[in-house]
Amino acid sequence: MADQPYNVLFLCTGNSARSILADALVNHLGAGRFRGFSAGSHPKGTVHPIALELLKELKLPTAGLRSKSWDEFATPGAPQLDYVFTVCDNAAGEVCPYWPGQPVTAHWGLPDPAAVEGSDAQKWAAFRDTLRALEIRIRLFITLPLATLDRVKLKEHLDKIGESPPEGAP
C-alpha cells in the first residue's frame, strides 16, 4: 500500500459543497499520498458556485469536480476505497452502497454552508468556516500513522477527529 495512494471518498447528500471541498482539500494536502473523491446519495447535479470560487481563490484545483452519485463508487471498475467519510448528518443516516474492499468509515458531520440564508458575506463566511473545519480534520487524518494502526485503533482515531468541534464553533 505504501506505493499507492490511499483512496478517500467524502459523502454528502447533495455532493455540491462539503464533500466537494473535502475532495479538493485531501487531494491538495495529501500531496500524492491520498486520492480524494466525493459523491452524494441524492446529488444536486451541480457544484455550488461559492464552493468553486472559494477553491479557485485559494488556488486549489477544481478540474474534474462534479456532483455525482455514490453509486459510481460501488460498481465494477470503480476505485477501491480505503476510507469513506460522511460529512453531513443525512448521508450518515442513509444506507450506503456496499463498498468493495471494506474501507474504514467515519462520520465527520458539519453544517451545510449551502443552506445558509442571508447576505453574500454571510454565505461566504459559512463556506470559509466549513473549509477551515474540513482542513483541520483532513490535516489530522493525513498525519496519522495509517500503516501502523490496527483497524480498531484507526477507527477510534477517525471517529475522534469527527467528534471534534469545528474551529470557531460555540
Protein backbone atom coordinates (compact mmCIF):
# COMPACT_ATOMS: atom_id res chain seq x y z
CA MET A 1 0.00 0.00 0.00
CA ALA A 2 2.92 2.36 0.59
CA ASP A 3 3.47 2.65 -3.18
CA GLN A 4 -0.14 3.54 -3.95
CA PRO A 5 -2.16 6.47 -2.67
CA TYR A 6 -4.98 5.87 -0.23
CA ASN A 7 -8.39 6.39 -1.89
CA VAL A 8 -10.69 8.56 0.22
CA LEU A 9 -14.37 9.15 -0.53
CA PHE A 10 -16.30 12.02 1.06
CA LEU A 11 -20.07 11.61 1.08
CA CYS A 12 -22.90 14.06 1.49
CA THR A 13 -26.48 14.09 0.31
CA GLY A 14 -26.20 16.69 -2.47
CA ASN A 15 -22.48 16.49 -3.28
CA SER A 16 -22.38 20.20 -4.02
CA ALA A 17 -20.45 21.80 -1.14
CA ARG A 18 -18.92 19.98 1.88
CA SER A 19 -17.90 16.78 0.12
CA ILE A 20 -16.56 18.77 -2.85
CA LEU A 21 -14.44 20.96 -0.57
CA ALA A 22 -13.10 17.88 1.26
CA ASP A 23 -12.32 16.16 -2.06
CA ALA A 24 -10.22 19.14 -3.23
CA LEU A 25 -8.53 19.54 0.15
CA VAL A 26 -7.42 15.93 0.55
CA ASN A 27 -6.06 15.89 -2.99
CA HIS A 28 -4.08 19.06 -2.29
CA LEU A 29 -2.96 18.41 1.30
CA GLY A 30 -2.35 14.70 0.73
CA ALA A 31 0.42 15.54 -1.74
CA GLY A 32 0.05 12.33 -3.72
CA ARG A 33 -0.36 10.06 -0.68
CA PHE A 34 -4.14 10.43 -0.85
CA ARG A 35 -6.55 10.47 -3.75
CA GLY A 36 -9.82 12.19 -2.94
CA PHE A 37 -13.27 11.62 -4.35
CA SER A 38 -16.70 12.92 -3.48
CA ALA A 39 -20.25 11.80 -4.11
CA GLY A 40 -23.80 12.15 -2.88
CA SER A 41 -26.75 9.93 -2.11
CA HIS A 42 -29.02 12.39 -3.99
CA PRO A 43 -26.60 14.58 -5.94
CA LYS A 44 -27.73 18.06 -6.92
CA GLY A 45 -26.06 17.69 -10.31
CA THR A 46 -24.02 20.89 -9.95
CA VAL A 47 -21.30 22.09 -7.63
CA HIS A 48 -22.26 25.13 -5.56
CA PRO A 49 -20.71 28.22 -7.20
CA ILE A 50 -19.32 29.57 -3.91
CA ALA A 51 -17.52 26.25 -3.31
CA LEU A 52 -15.85 26.52 -6.71
CA GLU A 53 -15.00 30.19 -6.31
CA LEU A 54 -13.53 29.61 -2.84
CA LEU A 55 -11.33 26.79 -4.10
CA LYS A 56 -10.16 28.95 -7.02
CA GLU A 57 -9.48 31.85 -4.64
CA LEU A 58 -7.23 29.52 -2.63
CA LYS A 59 -5.57 28.32 -5.84
CA LEU A 60 -6.81 24.75 -5.33
CA PRO A 61 -7.56 22.73 -8.46
CA THR A 62 -11.21 22.45 -9.44
CA ALA A 63 -10.83 20.45 -12.66
CA GLY A 64 -12.89 17.28 -12.54
CA LEU A 65 -15.01 18.33 -9.56
CA ARG A 66 -18.63 17.46 -10.25
CA SER A 67 -21.74 16.48 -8.35
CA LYS A 68 -22.24 12.73 -8.77
CA SER A 69 -23.96 9.73 -7.24
CA TRP A 70 -22.26 7.47 -4.75
CA ASP A 71 -23.41 4.58 -6.96
CA GLU A 72 -20.41 5.35 -9.21
CA PHE A 73 -18.12 4.06 -6.46
CA ALA A 74 -19.97 0.79 -5.91
CA THR A 75 -19.60 -0.52 -9.47
CA PRO A 76 -17.03 -2.83 -11.03
CA GLY A 77 -14.01 -0.83 -12.11
CA ALA A 78 -14.52 1.89 -9.51
CA PRO A 79 -11.50 2.83 -7.40
CA GLN A 80 -11.11 0.57 -4.40
CA LEU A 81 -11.74 2.78 -1.41
CA ASP A 82 -9.60 2.81 1.70
CA TYR A 83 -11.63 5.40 3.65
CA VAL A 84 -15.19 6.71 3.43
CA PHE A 85 -16.22 9.79 5.42
CA THR A 86 -19.73 11.17 5.64
CA VAL A 87 -19.66 14.94 6.08
CA CYS A 88 -23.37 15.54 6.59
CA ASP A 89 -25.80 14.01 9.03
CA ASN A 90 -28.33 13.00 6.35
CA ALA A 91 -25.83 10.89 4.43
CA ALA A 92 -24.58 9.32 7.66
CA GLY A 93 -28.08 8.06 8.41
CA GLU A 94 -28.70 6.56 4.99
CA VAL A 95 -27.98 3.01 3.96
CA CYS A 96 -24.79 3.23 1.93
CA PRO A 97 -23.98 1.02 -1.01
CA TYR A 98 -21.61 -1.88 -0.47
CA TRP A 99 -18.06 -0.58 -0.82
CA PRO A 100 -15.68 -3.23 -2.21
CA GLY A 101 -12.59 -3.68 -0.07
CA GLN A 102 -14.28 -2.83 3.23
CA PRO A 103 -12.95 0.70 3.67
CA VAL A 104 -12.68 2.24 7.12
CA THR A 105 -15.60 4.63 7.65
CA ALA A 106 -16.26 7.56 9.95
CA HIS A 107 -18.73 10.41 10.30
CA TRP A 108 -17.37 13.95 10.17
CA GLY A 109 -20.63 15.90 10.08
CA LEU A 110 -20.63 19.64 9.53
CA PRO A 111 -23.42 22.18 8.95
CA ASP A 112 -24.31 22.73 5.29
CA PRO A 113 -22.91 26.07 4.12
CA ALA A 114 -25.19 25.92 1.07
CA ALA A 115 -28.21 26.12 3.40
CA VAL A 116 -27.14 29.44 4.91
CA GLU A 117 -29.52 32.28 4.13
CA GLY A 118 -28.58 35.90 4.36
CA SER A 119 -26.14 38.24 2.72
CA ASP A 120 -23.43 37.13 0.32
CA ALA A 121 -20.91 37.88 3.07
CA GLN A 122 -22.72 35.50 5.44
CA LYS A 123 -22.82 32.78 2.80
CA TRP A 124 -19.13 33.19 2.01
CA ALA A 125 -18.30 33.11 5.73
CA ALA A 126 -20.19 29.82 6.08
CA PHE A 127 -18.21 28.27 3.21
CA ARG A 128 -14.91 29.54 4.63
CA ASP A 129 -15.80 28.14 8.08
CA THR A 130 -16.66 24.78 6.55
CA LEU A 131 -13.46 24.68 4.53
CA ARG A 132 -11.41 25.58 7.63
CA ALA A 133 -13.07 22.82 9.70
CA LEU A 134 -12.52 20.27 6.94
CA GLU A 135 -8.90 21.35 6.57
CA ILE A 136 -8.27 20.81 10.28
CA ARG A 137 -9.82 17.34 10.18
CA ILE A 138 -8.04 16.33 6.99
CA ARG A 139 -4.68 17.52 8.33
CA LEU A 140 -5.22 15.42 11.45
CA PHE A 141 -6.19 12.43 9.29
CA ILE A 142 -3.26 12.59 6.89
CA THR A 143 -0.74 12.82 9.73
CA LEU A 144 -1.96 9.61 11.40
CA PRO A 145 0.46 6.68 11.20
CA LEU A 146 -2.00 4.79 8.97
CA ALA A 147 0.30 1.89 8.13
CA THR A 148 0.96 1.08 11.79
CA LEU A 149 -2.51 1.41 13.32
CA ASP A 150 -4.74 -1.64 13.52
CA ARG A 151 -8.26 -1.22 12.17
CA VAL A 152 -9.87 -0.75 15.61
CA LYS A 153 -7.41 1.94 16.72
CA LEU A 154 -7.62 3.63 13.35
CA LYS A 155 -11.42 3.77 13.56
CA GLU A 156 -11.16 5.25 17.06
CA HIS A 157 -8.84 7.99 15.80
CA LEU A 158 -11.06 8.78 12.81
CA ASP A 159 -14.19 8.93 14.97
CA LYS A 160 -12.43 11.24 17.43
CA ILE A 161 -11.41 13.57 14.59
CA GLY A 162 -15.06 13.75 13.51
CA GLU A 163 -16.26 14.48 17.05
CA SER A 164 -14.02 17.49 17.49
CA PRO A 165 -15.95 20.72 17.12
CA PRO A 166 -15.02 22.82 14.10
CA GLU A 167 -12.76 25.76 14.86
CA GLY A 168 -14.79 28.73 15.99
CA ALA A 169 -17.84 26.60 16.86
CA PRO A 170 -19.67 27.51 20.04
